[in-house]
Each structure stands twice: as structure tokens, then as C-alpha cells.
Amino acid sequence: MDLTMLTQFLAVARREHLSRAADELHVAQPSLSRTIARLERELGAPLFDRAGRLRLNDTGKLFAGYVERALGELDAGRRAVAEVTRDGFGTVRLASETFLTFTGVLAAFKREYPAVDVRLNQMPAADMARHLRAREVDLCVSSQPIPTDGLVAEHLFDEQVWLGVPLDHPLADRKSVRVDELADESFVSASRRHWQRQLLDRLFAAHNRTPRIVCEGDEPSTIASLVGAGLGVGLVPGFARRIDASMPLVLVAVDDPDCRRTVTLYQGADVRLSRAARLMRTMLTEWDWFAGEPD
């Protein structure tokens, strides 16, 4: 059992597809298949169910967790050594659903610490816990809760979420609107993996309704732009208007106390962060999100 074997196993485990994992790893599929079979022989147990589509079985899921943590620790060790030997700041790897909210704080961070290597990873909240536990990212910022087992959470801010409507929409002159008034509206939304869609579904479910989605995507920051273009209405955080006050849309209050988002910073518990990651964590937790500068 060696690192190459474990890395290849993890790729197959995540994709549950041999040919796609082989493409990712740039290896031949027959060679990858032999590697997985050899690993299973060494462990004395099958790691995948092969009836129909390839599926990671319970034993494979158990082993994958250990492999993720082991490879993550090894990578953390490499980065720690590199940080010491370079006598520098190192690298910080930050993940978020969207970075539209963070343009101000990231710009300030780079001005203050230009030597830090900042690597950004956009991903849905559902994937964050796994990446943190595997040490593939240092910090995650999410607008919806994620499982905190083995993680540490720190509140950053919360804010009202508005209904964005085009300038010529019948609701554009309203101060507020009830959820039950939106049953026939056409919504521009992120996919179900993102916080805007989950919030929209919760609001409608409370009224035994389902939103009418006419445009769905994986880039939440484009919702306001698509609403402004007249494609429909959509949930828009207050930050969107503060970042671009020229957007051709109107923000209408939703008459529901749950129409808000809470933004939280997550990191692995008992994880030694690089100096760069510690600096980023401090910047994020001390930033005045509504004034756009540190406290």
C-alpha cells in the first residue's frame, strides 16, 4: 500500500466511476482497476459494490475517511515544512459558495499581506465539511449550516434577504410582499445545493407551496443580474446591492422573519493552521462587513 494507490482509491471513491477517475488521474482505466483490486486484496475486503453502477460500500466509506485524513495530514505537514523553510507566510485556501461578498475583505487582505498565496475554491456548502476534514481547504465560509462534527464554527454576520424584481415589475412599488403573494411569480434561482434555493424552498414550504423556477444555475452571484435583465424575480442578499448599487432592479422586503441568511466561518477542529490561514481567519472575523473595513 503506497501513496499513489491511496490517492487513486480516493479518486475512484469520490467519483464512483472508474473511467472518470482515470481521466482525472491521467492513468489508463485497466491500470486503475488493477490498483483498486490490489488494494482490496491487501485489505482483505471489497471496498466497492459492483452490481450495476460502481458504488462505495460501507467498508469503503469507512476506509475512505481514514485515507482522506491521512493524506490531508501529510499535505498539511508538507505545507508546514515549506512555511518554516521559506520563513514566509505560506498559503491560505479559502472556500465559499460565492466570493461576491468577499471582494472587499480579500482586496484588503492582499494589500496588507501581498506575499501570501491566496487560493480560492468555490463550492456548495454540502461539500465543505468533507474538504475541511480532508485538509484540502483551510477555511470555509457558508451561508447555510454544515455538519460541525470535527469542525469549529464562528459567526461572521447575518443580514436580511430581499426579493429582487425588475424595475418595471408590478411589485417594484411595494415596500414589502408576503410569500403567498409570490405563488405565480417566475423565479430566477440557484440550484438546490445553494443557500438561496434552500431558503426559497423553505419559505414556500411553510405556506404549502412550491416556487415556480424558470431559471436555475450554479452561480448564485448572477441571480441579481438575471433579475435585472427581466428574466424573473429572485432572492437577493443585501450585499448584492451594496456591491453594485447600479443594478437595474428593486429590492422588496419579504414579510417573513426567516427571510435572512447567516454567514459562518468553519475550520477543522484541532488543526494547526498555516500562518497565512491564521491571518485570513483574523481578517474575516474582525472585518466590519457592513462598513467594508476591519473593526
Protein backbone atom coordinates (compact mmCIF):
# COMPACT_ATOMS: atom_id res chain seq x y z
CA MET A 1 0.00 0.00 0.00
CA ASP A 2 1.56 3.30 -1.09
CA LEU A 3 0.51 6.94 -1.55
CA THR A 4 -0.23 6.50 -5.25
CA MET A 5 -2.54 3.60 -4.50
CA LEU A 6 -4.36 5.57 -1.79
CA THR A 7 -4.67 8.68 -3.95
CA GLN A 8 -6.12 6.64 -6.79
CA PHE A 9 -8.54 4.86 -4.45
CA LEU A 10 -9.79 8.21 -3.15
CA ALA A 11 -10.42 9.49 -6.69
CA VAL A 12 -12.49 6.40 -7.52
CA ALA A 13 -14.30 6.60 -4.16
CA ARG A 14 -15.32 10.22 -4.75
CA ARG A 15 -16.47 9.74 -8.32
CA GLU A 16 -17.73 6.15 -8.02
CA HIS A 17 -16.79 5.83 -11.66
CA LEU A 18 -13.61 4.19 -12.95
CA SER A 19 -13.29 5.93 -16.32
CA ARG A 20 -13.93 9.41 -14.89
CA ALA A 21 -11.43 8.81 -12.10
CA ALA A 22 -8.91 7.53 -14.64
CA ASP A 23 -9.36 10.71 -16.71
CA GLU A 24 -8.88 12.83 -13.59
CA LEU A 25 -5.71 10.95 -12.63
CA HIS A 26 -4.40 10.70 -16.22
CA VAL A 27 -3.97 6.94 -15.96
CA ALA A 28 -5.34 4.06 -18.05
CA GLN A 29 -8.61 2.61 -16.76
CA PRO A 30 -7.35 -1.02 -16.74
CA SER A 31 -4.34 0.04 -14.65
CA LEU A 32 -6.61 1.89 -12.20
CA SER A 33 -8.91 -1.12 -11.95
CA ARG A 34 -5.92 -3.36 -11.11
CA THR A 35 -4.77 -0.89 -8.45
CA ILE A 36 -8.17 -0.97 -6.73
CA ALA A 37 -8.27 -4.78 -6.89
CA ARG A 38 -4.76 -4.97 -5.38
CA LEU A 39 -5.75 -2.62 -2.56
CA GLU A 40 -8.82 -4.72 -1.78
CA ARG A 41 -6.64 -7.85 -1.66
CA GLU A 42 -4.23 -6.17 0.76
CA LEU A 43 -7.10 -5.09 3.00
CA GLY A 44 -8.85 -8.44 2.72
CA ALA A 45 -12.21 -6.86 1.97
CA PRO A 46 -14.08 -5.38 -1.03
CA LEU A 47 -14.41 -1.59 -0.96
CA PHE A 48 -17.00 -1.23 -3.73
CA ASP A 49 -20.27 -2.85 -4.72
CA ARG A 50 -20.04 -3.76 -8.39
CA ALA A 51 -23.60 -4.88 -9.09
CA GLY A 52 -24.65 -2.40 -11.74
CA ARG A 53 -23.08 1.01 -11.16
CA LEU A 54 -19.87 1.11 -9.09
CA ARG A 55 -20.74 2.12 -5.53
CA LEU A 56 -18.56 2.64 -2.46
CA ASN A 57 -19.76 0.13 0.17
CA ASP A 58 -19.81 0.67 3.93
CA THR A 59 -16.29 -0.72 4.33
CA GLY A 60 -15.08 1.55 1.54
CA LYS A 61 -16.72 4.59 3.17
CA LEU A 62 -15.01 3.75 6.46
CA PHE A 63 -11.62 3.36 4.80
CA ALA A 64 -12.06 6.49 2.65
CA GLY A 65 -12.48 8.59 5.78
CA TYR A 66 -9.15 7.39 7.15
CA VAL A 67 -7.43 7.89 3.80
CA GLU A 68 -8.77 11.45 3.47
CA ARG A 69 -7.50 12.35 6.92
CA ALA A 70 -4.12 10.66 6.38
CA LEU A 71 -3.45 12.36 3.04
CA GLY A 72 -4.71 15.65 4.45
CA GLU A 73 -2.31 15.44 7.38
CA LEU A 74 0.56 14.61 5.05
CA ASP A 75 -0.23 17.63 2.87
CA ALA A 76 -0.50 19.82 5.97
CA GLY A 77 2.92 18.58 7.05
CA ARG A 78 4.42 19.43 3.68
CA ARG A 79 2.98 22.93 3.83
CA ALA A 80 4.16 23.44 7.42
CA VAL A 81 7.71 22.47 6.46
CA ALA A 82 7.59 24.74 3.42
CA GLU A 83 6.40 27.61 5.57
CA VAL A 84 9.24 27.14 8.06
CA THR A 85 11.98 26.69 5.48
CA ARG A 86 10.82 29.68 3.43
CA ASP A 87 10.35 31.78 6.56
CA GLY A 88 7.30 33.19 4.82
CA PHE A 89 3.57 33.45 5.27
CA GLY A 90 2.63 30.31 3.36
CA THR A 91 -0.67 29.61 1.64
CA VAL A 92 -4.29 30.02 2.66
CA ARG A 93 -7.01 28.01 0.93
CA LEU A 94 -10.45 29.57 1.35
CA ALA A 95 -13.70 28.02 0.12
CA SER A 96 -17.09 29.69 -0.25
CA GLU A 97 -20.33 29.31 -2.18
CA THR A 98 -19.62 32.65 -3.86
CA PHE A 99 -16.88 35.24 -3.48
CA LEU A 100 -19.03 38.23 -4.41
CA THR A 101 -19.48 39.00 -0.71
CA PHE A 102 -15.74 38.88 -0.06
CA THR A 103 -14.24 41.16 -2.69
CA GLY A 104 -13.64 43.94 -0.16
CA VAL A 105 -12.03 41.81 2.54
CA LEU A 106 -9.93 39.85 0.03
CA ALA A 107 -8.65 43.05 -1.55
CA ALA A 108 -7.73 44.42 1.88
CA PHE A 109 -6.01 41.15 2.79
CA LYS A 110 -3.86 41.18 -0.34
CA ARG A 111 -2.90 44.82 0.25
CA GLU A 112 -1.79 44.03 3.79
CA TYR A 113 -0.18 40.66 3.05
CA PRO A 114 0.93 40.70 -0.61
CA ALA A 115 3.33 37.78 -0.05
CA VAL A 116 0.54 35.40 0.98
CA ASP A 117 -0.55 32.88 -1.62
CA VAL A 118 -4.38 33.03 -1.55
CA ARG A 119 -6.19 30.14 -3.22
CA LEU A 120 -9.95 30.36 -3.62
CA ASN A 121 -12.24 27.36 -4.06
CA GLN A 122 -15.88 27.88 -4.99
CA MET A 123 -18.08 25.02 -3.79
CA PRO A 124 -21.56 24.38 -2.38
CA ALA A 125 -21.92 24.14 1.38
CA ALA A 126 -22.74 20.43 1.12
CA ASP A 127 -19.14 19.71 0.07
CA MET A 128 -17.36 21.89 2.63
CA ALA A 129 -17.20 19.57 5.64
CA ARG A 130 -15.55 16.81 3.60
CA HIS A 131 -12.93 19.18 2.15
CA LEU A 132 -12.15 20.59 5.61
CA ARG A 133 -11.78 17.16 7.21
CA ALA A 134 -9.56 16.02 4.34
CA ARG A 135 -7.39 19.16 4.86
CA GLU A 136 -8.00 20.15 1.24
CA VAL A 137 -9.02 23.66 2.32
CA ASP A 138 -8.14 25.64 5.44
CA LEU A 139 -11.26 27.76 5.90
CA CYS A 140 -14.81 27.70 4.58
CA VAL A 141 -17.44 30.42 4.64
CA SER A 142 -21.04 29.30 4.25
CA SER A 143 -24.44 30.99 4.17
CA GLN A 144 -26.13 27.85 5.49
CA PRO A 145 -25.27 25.42 8.30
CA ILE A 146 -22.98 22.48 7.57
CA PRO A 147 -22.35 19.42 9.80
CA THR A 148 -19.96 20.56 12.53
CA ASP A 149 -18.63 17.16 13.66
CA GLY A 150 -14.87 17.68 13.80
CA LEU A 151 -15.21 21.36 12.85
CA VAL A 152 -15.19 24.71 14.62
CA ALA A 153 -17.75 27.35 13.63
CA GLU A 154 -17.57 31.12 14.13
CA HIS A 155 -20.38 33.54 13.29
CA LEU A 156 -19.42 36.30 10.86
CA PHE A 157 -22.66 38.19 10.19
CA ASP A 158 -26.30 37.87 9.26
CA GLU A 159 -28.44 40.04 7.03
CA GLN A 160 -31.87 40.42 5.52
CA VAL A 161 -32.55 38.70 2.21
CA TRP A 162 -34.75 40.64 -0.21
CA LEU A 163 -36.93 39.87 -3.19
CA GLY A 164 -35.26 41.35 -6.25
CA VAL A 165 -37.68 42.43 -9.00
CA PRO A 166 -37.10 44.19 -12.36
CA LEU A 167 -37.69 47.96 -12.44
CA ASP A 168 -40.94 47.62 -14.40
CA HIS A 169 -42.35 44.75 -12.33
CA PRO A 170 -45.79 45.27 -10.68
CA LEU A 171 -44.19 44.69 -7.25
CA ALA A 172 -41.48 47.32 -7.80
CA ASP A 173 -43.51 49.99 -5.98
CA ARG A 174 -44.18 47.81 -2.94
CA LYS A 175 -42.35 48.16 0.36
CA SER A 176 -42.94 44.53 1.25
CA VAL A 177 -44.60 41.40 -0.07
CA ARG A 178 -45.98 38.22 1.52
CA VAL A 179 -44.74 34.80 0.43
CA ASP A 180 -48.27 33.69 -0.53
CA GLU A 181 -48.42 36.59 -3.00
CA LEU A 182 -45.48 35.11 -4.92
CA ALA A 183 -47.09 31.81 -5.90
CA ASP A 184 -47.44 32.76 -9.58
CA GLU A 185 -44.13 34.60 -9.94
CA SER A 186 -41.32 33.29 -12.14
CA PHE A 187 -38.17 32.81 -10.05
CA VAL A 188 -34.54 33.01 -11.02
CA SER A 189 -32.74 30.73 -8.58
CA ALA A 190 -29.55 28.89 -7.78
CA SER A 191 -29.68 25.08 -7.81
CA ARG A 192 -30.83 23.13 -4.76
CA ARG A 193 -27.24 22.86 -3.48
CA HIS A 194 -27.09 26.60 -2.73
CA TRP A 195 -28.48 28.64 0.13
CA GLN A 196 -30.76 30.89 -1.96
CA ARG A 197 -32.69 27.92 -3.30
CA GLN A 198 -32.89 26.19 0.06
CA LEU A 199 -34.19 29.40 1.66
CA LEU A 200 -36.72 29.88 -1.16
CA ASP A 201 -37.95 26.30 -0.80
CA ARG A 202 -38.29 26.67 2.99
CA LEU A 203 -40.26 29.90 2.69
CA PHE A 204 -42.69 28.38 0.20
CA ALA A 205 -42.97 25.06 2.04
CA ALA A 206 -44.14 26.96 5.15
CA HIS A 207 -47.14 28.01 3.04
CA ASN A 208 -47.58 24.57 1.42
CA ARG A 209 -46.44 25.93 -1.92
CA THR A 210 -43.65 25.29 -4.40
CA PRO A 211 -41.82 28.13 -6.18
CA ARG A 212 -42.06 28.33 -9.96
CA ILE A 213 -38.44 28.19 -11.17
CA VAL A 214 -37.78 29.45 -14.71
CA CYS A 215 -34.00 29.80 -14.47
CA GLU A 216 -31.70 27.67 -12.32
CA GLY A 217 -27.92 27.74 -12.14
CA ASP A 218 -24.83 27.11 -10.03
CA GLU A 219 -23.57 30.70 -9.84
CA PRO A 220 -25.58 32.43 -7.09
CA SER A 221 -23.99 35.82 -7.74
CA THR A 222 -25.67 36.05 -11.16
CA ILE A 223 -29.21 35.99 -9.76
CA ALA A 224 -29.39 39.76 -9.28
CA SER A 225 -28.08 40.39 -12.79
CA LEU A 226 -30.60 37.99 -14.34
CA VAL A 227 -33.43 39.57 -12.35
CA GLY A 228 -32.30 43.00 -13.56
CA ALA A 229 -32.36 41.66 -17.11
CA GLY A 230 -36.06 40.88 -16.69
CA LEU A 231 -35.94 37.07 -16.55
CA GLY A 232 -37.93 36.88 -13.33
CA VAL A 233 -37.75 37.65 -9.62
CA GLY A 234 -35.31 36.17 -7.12
CA LEU A 235 -33.94 36.21 -3.59
CA VAL A 236 -31.07 38.68 -3.31
CA PRO A 237 -28.90 39.34 -0.23
CA GLY A 238 -28.43 42.96 0.78
CA PHE A 239 -24.74 42.65 -0.07
CA ALA A 240 -25.55 42.44 -3.77
CA ARG A 241 -26.93 45.98 -3.79
CA ARG A 242 -24.08 47.33 -1.63
CA ILE A 243 -21.55 45.88 -4.05
CA ASP A 244 -23.29 47.20 -7.17
CA ALA A 245 -25.81 49.97 -6.49
CA SER A 246 -26.32 50.47 -10.24
CA MET A 247 -28.06 47.13 -10.78
CA PRO A 248 -31.39 47.71 -12.61
CA LEU A 249 -33.63 46.09 -10.03
CA VAL A 250 -35.67 46.93 -6.95
CA LEU A 251 -35.29 45.17 -3.61
CA VAL A 252 -38.60 44.49 -1.88
CA ALA A 253 -38.79 43.23 1.71
CA VAL A 254 -40.26 39.75 2.20
CA ASP A 255 -42.75 39.80 5.07
CA ASP A 256 -41.28 36.78 6.82
CA PRO A 257 -38.79 36.86 9.74
CA ASP A 258 -36.99 33.79 8.35
CA CYS A 259 -36.02 35.53 5.12
CA ARG A 260 -32.45 36.07 6.28
CA ARG A 261 -29.05 34.44 5.85
CA THR A 262 -26.42 33.75 8.49
CA VAL A 263 -22.81 33.62 7.29
CA THR A 264 -20.44 31.37 9.27
CA LEU A 265 -16.71 30.64 9.13
CA TYR A 266 -15.67 26.99 9.54
CA GLN A 267 -12.31 25.32 10.11
CA GLY A 268 -11.18 21.89 11.20
CA ALA A 269 -11.05 21.26 14.93
CA ASP A 270 -7.55 20.71 16.36
CA VAL A 271 -5.99 21.69 13.03
CA ARG A 272 -2.77 23.68 13.01
CA LEU A 273 -3.45 26.42 10.50
CA SER A 274 -0.63 27.94 8.50
CA ARG A 275 0.37 31.49 9.38
CA ALA A 276 -1.40 32.65 6.21
CA ALA A 277 -4.61 30.89 7.21
CA ARG A 278 -4.45 32.36 10.72
CA LEU A 279 -4.06 35.84 9.23
CA MET A 280 -7.03 35.27 6.94
CA ARG A 281 -9.16 33.96 9.82
CA THR A 282 -8.34 37.06 11.85
CA MET A 283 -9.17 39.35 8.94
CA LEU A 284 -12.51 37.63 8.32
CA THR A 285 -13.58 37.60 11.98
CA GLU A 286 -12.57 41.23 12.62
CA TRP A 287 -13.94 42.66 9.38
CA ASP A 288 -16.84 45.10 9.66
CA TRP A 289 -18.96 43.54 6.96
CA PHE A 290 -21.41 46.39 6.69
CA ALA A 291 -18.84 49.21 6.71
CA GLY A 292 -16.42 47.30 4.50
CA GLU A 293 -13.37 47.54 6.73
CA PRO A 294 -11.87 45.98 9.86
CA ASP A 295 -13.36 46.94 13.25
